[in-house]
């Protein structure tokens, strides 16, 4: 048994997790025989890149975003469409895809929190529930295989079903950004750095520390354990993701933001 100490920055973790998601048997099967629906989000953008084999503007591949020290949105003019593939080819009707999807298909959606029980939750700021509000009913009632790629930088100690009760876009008196509801995704299969190393290399990853400074903020430090062959795979995978660049800040101008009325900054309370 060999052991290694590895620190991953948030973008390195996202790249690692994306590679693991694409390698999952459920995803590979759906790429060949059914639907893969990737909802927008920065982490999901890494998954999209791995599947498409091409670079995309990941900063712009989302609507809601936590950036510049606040909950916010990206400029409305660049709000992207979800990436839907049928048998590996683009499928331009997301709603029709949701109607046709079943347990052998895959829905991929990033999140904002993962708790001590490995349950996940995502922010929703639009009054109609945004992405999760428009897709949740279809995916959960039909048993669509749902994957949440999420780094342990988003770990929270409070169970998400409890903290979600404290939120809602009209629940706050003041704040440092866009007011949002936290929505648990109870039927999702989270993929963190732990699952990623297990999927890609067959090693165990044990989180032992988090955080950093000078460009390492949000980092996760793990101990990897495995036999010689597995640890060699883990080393190569780690080398492949090290150096992944940070995303650039990309947020809406508060003066033209469509969500100004449900924002602690836009309403002028701070």
Protein backbone atom coordinates (compact mmCIF):
# COMPACT_ATOMS: atom_id res chain seq x y z
CA UNK A 1 0.00 0.00 0.00
CA UNK A 2 1.33 3.41 -1.04
CA UNK A 3 0.27 6.83 0.12
CA UNK A 4 0.41 10.35 -1.34
CA UNK A 5 -0.46 13.87 -0.18
CA UNK A 6 -2.26 15.96 -2.82
CA UNK A 7 -3.61 19.52 -2.79
CA UNK A 8 -6.01 20.58 -5.52
CA UNK A 9 -7.17 24.14 -6.22
CA UNK A 10 -10.86 24.60 -7.12
CA UNK A 11 -10.30 24.59 -10.90
CA UNK A 12 -8.04 21.54 -10.61
CA UNK A 13 -10.75 19.76 -8.63
CA UNK A 14 -13.36 20.68 -11.20
CA UNK A 15 -11.25 19.29 -14.03
CA UNK A 16 -10.59 16.07 -12.10
CA UNK A 17 -14.28 15.64 -11.27
CA UNK A 18 -15.32 16.33 -14.86
CA UNK A 19 -13.00 13.63 -16.16
CA UNK A 20 -14.47 11.19 -13.63
CA UNK A 21 -18.08 12.02 -14.52
CA UNK A 22 -17.45 11.37 -18.20
CA UNK A 23 -15.76 8.05 -17.35
CA UNK A 24 -18.76 6.78 -15.38
CA UNK A 25 -20.43 3.72 -17.00
CA UNK A 26 -23.84 5.39 -16.79
CA UNK A 27 -22.60 8.39 -18.75
CA UNK A 28 -20.81 6.29 -21.35
CA UNK A 29 -23.93 4.19 -21.86
CA UNK A 30 -26.15 7.25 -22.24
CA UNK A 31 -23.73 8.85 -24.71
CA UNK A 32 -24.06 5.80 -26.92
CA UNK A 33 -27.72 4.88 -26.45
CA UNK A 34 -29.71 7.77 -24.98
CA UNK A 35 -29.78 11.29 -23.58
CA UNK A 36 -27.12 13.19 -21.67
CA UNK A 37 -28.51 16.48 -20.41
CA UNK A 38 -25.95 18.92 -18.96
CA UNK A 39 -27.51 21.89 -17.18
CA UNK A 40 -25.50 25.08 -17.18
CA UNK A 41 -23.04 25.96 -14.42
CA UNK A 42 -19.31 26.45 -14.11
CA UNK A 43 -18.53 22.94 -12.85
CA UNK A 44 -20.84 21.41 -15.45
CA UNK A 45 -18.96 23.43 -18.07
CA UNK A 46 -15.86 21.34 -17.36
CA UNK A 47 -17.95 18.20 -17.97
CA UNK A 48 -19.20 19.68 -21.23
CA UNK A 49 -15.63 20.37 -22.32
CA UNK A 50 -14.55 16.81 -21.55
CA UNK A 51 -17.46 15.37 -23.55
CA UNK A 52 -17.19 17.76 -26.49
CA UNK A 53 -13.40 17.67 -26.61
CA UNK A 54 -13.23 21.42 -27.09
CA UNK A 55 -12.84 24.55 -25.00
CA UNK A 56 -15.85 26.66 -24.08
CA UNK A 57 -16.12 29.99 -22.25
CA UNK A 58 -16.80 28.46 -18.86
CA UNK A 59 -17.24 31.84 -17.15
CA UNK A 60 -20.21 32.47 -19.43
CA UNK A 61 -21.67 28.96 -19.15
CA UNK A 62 -23.90 29.83 -16.22
CA UNK A 63 -26.60 32.22 -15.04
CA UNK A 64 -26.19 32.21 -11.27
CA UNK A 65 -22.66 32.56 -9.95
CA UNK A 66 -20.81 33.31 -6.71
CA UNK A 67 -18.11 35.76 -7.75
CA UNK A 68 -16.38 38.90 -6.48
CA UNK A 69 -17.43 38.01 -2.95
CA UNK A 70 -21.16 37.86 -3.59
CA UNK A 71 -24.00 35.80 -4.97
CA UNK A 72 -24.69 37.20 -8.43
CA UNK A 73 -25.63 36.46 -12.05
CA UNK A 74 -23.83 36.66 -15.36
CA UNK A 75 -24.89 39.20 -18.04
CA UNK A 76 -28.29 38.26 -19.47
CA UNK A 77 -27.07 38.73 -23.04
CA UNK A 78 -24.76 35.73 -22.66
CA UNK A 79 -27.02 33.34 -20.73
CA UNK A 80 -26.28 29.95 -22.31
CA UNK A 81 -28.51 27.08 -23.34
CA UNK A 82 -28.26 23.69 -21.72
CA UNK A 83 -26.21 21.11 -23.58
CA UNK A 84 -28.36 18.15 -24.56
CA UNK A 85 -26.97 15.18 -26.47
CA UNK A 86 -28.85 12.23 -27.92
CA UNK A 87 -26.63 9.29 -28.79
CA UNK A 88 -23.70 11.68 -28.60
CA UNK A 89 -25.14 14.24 -31.02
CA UNK A 90 -26.60 17.69 -30.24
CA UNK A 91 -30.33 17.67 -29.49
CA UNK A 92 -31.86 21.15 -29.73
CA UNK A 93 -35.12 20.64 -27.80
CA UNK A 94 -34.37 20.43 -24.04
CA UNK A 95 -38.03 20.14 -23.01
CA UNK A 96 -38.63 17.31 -25.45
CA UNK A 97 -35.54 15.58 -24.09
CA UNK A 98 -36.86 15.88 -20.52
CA UNK A 99 -40.16 14.37 -21.64
CA UNK A 100 -38.42 11.39 -23.22
CA UNK A 101 -35.71 10.73 -20.63
CA UNK A 102 -35.76 7.76 -18.25
CA UNK A 103 -33.54 5.82 -15.82
CA UNK A 104 -30.98 4.90 -18.50
CA UNK A 105 -30.45 8.57 -19.39
CA UNK A 106 -28.28 11.02 -17.47
CA UNK A 107 -28.94 14.49 -16.10
CA UNK A 108 -25.90 16.46 -14.87
CA UNK A 109 -26.29 19.50 -12.61
CA UNK A 110 -23.73 21.21 -10.41
CA UNK A 111 -24.57 22.45 -6.91
CA UNK A 112 -23.57 24.93 -4.22
CA UNK A 113 -23.43 22.76 -1.11
CA UNK A 114 -22.62 19.21 -0.03
CA UNK A 115 -23.19 18.27 3.60
CA UNK A 116 -21.87 15.71 6.08
CA UNK A 117 -24.28 13.10 4.71
CA UNK A 118 -23.16 13.69 1.11
CA UNK A 119 -26.51 15.35 0.30
CA UNK A 120 -26.36 18.24 -2.15
CA UNK A 121 -28.29 21.44 -2.75
CA UNK A 122 -28.25 24.21 -5.33
CA UNK A 123 -29.15 27.89 -5.28
CA UNK A 124 -32.23 29.09 -7.18
CA UNK A 125 -32.89 32.82 -7.51
CA UNK A 126 -35.43 33.08 -10.32
CA UNK A 127 -39.06 33.20 -9.14
CA UNK A 128 -39.87 30.16 -11.33
CA UNK A 129 -37.12 28.10 -9.67
CA UNK A 130 -34.60 28.51 -12.47
CA UNK A 131 -32.92 25.41 -13.87
CA UNK A 132 -33.73 23.13 -10.97
CA UNK A 133 -37.35 24.31 -10.88
CA UNK A 134 -37.85 23.63 -14.58
CA UNK A 135 -36.17 20.21 -14.62
CA UNK A 136 -36.62 18.73 -11.15
CA UNK A 137 -40.15 17.43 -11.74
CA UNK A 138 -39.15 15.56 -14.87
CA UNK A 139 -35.97 14.02 -13.52
CA UNK A 140 -37.14 12.95 -10.08
CA UNK A 141 -40.53 11.51 -11.07
CA UNK A 142 -39.08 9.42 -13.91
CA UNK A 143 -35.99 8.27 -12.05
CA UNK A 144 -33.53 9.89 -14.43
CA UNK A 145 -29.96 9.11 -13.28
CA UNK A 146 -28.86 12.46 -11.88
CA UNK A 147 -25.20 13.32 -11.25
CA UNK A 148 -23.96 16.30 -9.28
CA UNK A 149 -20.29 17.12 -9.91
CA UNK A 150 -19.24 19.07 -6.82
CA UNK A 151 -15.93 19.85 -5.13
CA UNK A 152 -15.43 19.46 -1.41
CA UNK A 153 -14.63 23.19 -1.33
CA UNK A 154 -18.46 23.42 -1.14
CA UNK A 155 -18.71 21.29 1.98
CA UNK A 156 -21.08 22.63 4.65
CA UNK A 157 -21.47 21.18 8.17
CA UNK A 158 -25.24 21.82 8.38
CA UNK A 159 -27.54 19.25 6.71
CA UNK A 160 -28.86 20.92 3.57
CA UNK A 161 -32.46 19.96 4.25
CA UNK A 162 -32.23 22.06 7.43
CA UNK A 163 -30.37 25.07 6.03
CA UNK A 164 -32.72 25.17 3.02
CA UNK A 165 -35.58 26.07 5.37
CA UNK A 166 -33.84 29.35 6.17
CA UNK A 167 -33.74 30.56 2.58
CA UNK A 168 -35.96 32.02 -0.14
CA UNK A 169 -35.68 35.00 -2.45
CA UNK A 170 -38.08 37.03 -0.28
CA UNK A 171 -36.75 35.76 3.05
CA UNK A 172 -33.93 38.22 3.68
CA UNK A 173 -33.86 41.76 5.04
CA UNK A 174 -30.41 42.62 3.70
CA UNK A 175 -27.41 40.91 2.14
CA UNK A 176 -24.19 41.11 0.15
CA UNK A 177 -25.61 39.88 -3.14
CA UNK A 178 -28.47 38.14 -4.90
CA UNK A 179 -31.08 36.60 -2.62
CA UNK A 180 -31.52 32.91 -3.35
CA UNK A 181 -33.28 29.79 -2.16
CA UNK A 182 -31.24 26.69 -1.37
CA UNK A 183 -32.89 23.67 -3.02
CA UNK A 184 -31.86 20.13 -2.00
CA UNK A 185 -31.49 17.54 -4.78
CA UNK A 186 -32.30 14.34 -2.87
CA UNK A 187 -32.11 11.94 -5.82
CA UNK A 188 -28.67 13.01 -7.03
CA UNK A 189 -25.42 11.03 -7.09
CA UNK A 190 -22.65 13.45 -6.02
CA UNK A 191 -19.19 13.13 -7.51
CA UNK A 192 -16.51 14.83 -5.41
CA UNK A 193 -12.73 14.47 -5.47
CA UNK A 194 -13.20 11.30 -3.39
CA UNK A 195 -15.37 9.58 -6.00
CA UNK A 196 -13.27 11.00 -8.83
CA UNK A 197 -10.05 9.37 -7.66
CA UNK A 198 -11.90 6.12 -7.05
CA UNK A 199 -13.44 6.16 -10.55
CA UNK A 200 -10.32 7.22 -12.44
CA UNK A 201 -7.57 5.46 -10.51
CA UNK A 202 -9.10 2.98 -8.08
CA UNK A 203 -7.52 4.68 -5.06
CA UNK A 204 -9.06 5.92 -1.85
CA UNK A 205 -8.98 9.69 -1.28
CA UNK A 206 -9.35 10.94 2.28
CA UNK A 207 -9.94 14.68 2.72
CA UNK A 208 -7.75 15.97 5.56
CA UNK A 209 -7.59 19.76 5.12
CA UNK A 210 -9.05 22.65 3.17
CA UNK A 211 -8.28 26.24 2.24
CA UNK A 212 -5.12 28.14 1.47
CA UNK A 213 -3.75 31.53 0.45
CA UNK A 214 -1.96 33.24 -2.41
CA UNK A 215 -3.92 31.49 -5.14
CA UNK A 216 -4.78 28.37 -3.16
CA UNK A 217 -7.99 29.70 -1.60
CA UNK A 218 -10.71 27.05 -1.63
CA UNK A 219 -8.22 24.22 -2.07
CA UNK A 220 -8.77 20.67 -0.86
CA UNK A 221 -5.94 18.54 0.52
CA UNK A 222 -6.29 14.77 0.41
CA UNK A 223 -4.37 11.64 1.31
CA UNK A 224 -4.43 9.05 -1.49
CA UNK A 225 -4.00 5.35 -0.73
CA UNK A 226 -3.72 2.39 -3.06
CA UNK A 227 -1.54 -0.32 -4.51
CA UNK A 228 1.41 0.42 -6.78
CA UNK A 229 -0.50 0.29 -10.06
CA UNK A 230 -3.45 2.33 -8.82
CA UNK A 231 -1.21 4.96 -7.27
CA UNK A 232 0.71 5.32 -10.50
CA UNK A 233 -2.59 6.01 -12.27
CA UNK A 234 -3.47 8.54 -9.57
CA UNK A 235 -0.13 10.28 -10.05
CA UNK A 236 -0.66 10.65 -13.80
CA UNK A 237 -4.21 11.90 -13.33
CA UNK A 238 -3.05 14.43 -10.74
CA UNK A 239 -0.30 15.67 -13.04
CA UNK A 240 -2.86 16.07 -15.84
CA UNK A 241 -5.08 18.44 -13.83
CA UNK A 242 -2.42 20.44 -11.96
CA UNK A 243 -2.12 23.97 -13.28
CA UNK A 244 -5.74 24.27 -14.43
CA UNK A 245 -6.32 28.05 -14.57
CA UNK A 246 -8.87 29.91 -12.48
CA UNK A 247 -11.97 31.28 -14.18
CA UNK A 248 -12.16 35.03 -14.68
CA UNK A 249 -14.83 37.00 -12.79
CA UNK A 250 -17.86 37.57 -15.02
CA UNK A 251 -20.91 39.21 -13.47
CA UNK A 252 -23.80 41.43 -14.49
CA UNK A 253 -23.76 45.22 -14.15
CA UNK A 254 -26.00 46.00 -11.15
CA UNK A 255 -27.58 48.97 -12.97
CA UNK A 256 -29.15 46.71 -15.61
CA UNK A 257 -29.55 43.46 -13.66
CA UNK A 258 -33.02 41.86 -14.02
CA UNK A 259 -32.70 40.54 -10.45
CA UNK A 260 -31.97 43.91 -8.81
CA UNK A 261 -35.16 43.78 -6.71
CA UNK A 262 -34.06 40.57 -5.00
CA UNK A 263 -30.48 41.59 -4.34
CA UNK A 264 -28.98 43.09 -1.22
CA UNK A 265 -26.75 45.29 -3.37
CA UNK A 266 -29.25 46.20 -6.07
CA UNK A 267 -31.86 47.27 -3.52
CA UNK A 268 -29.34 49.61 -1.90
CA UNK A 269 -29.55 48.02 1.54
CA UNK A 270 -25.76 47.82 1.77
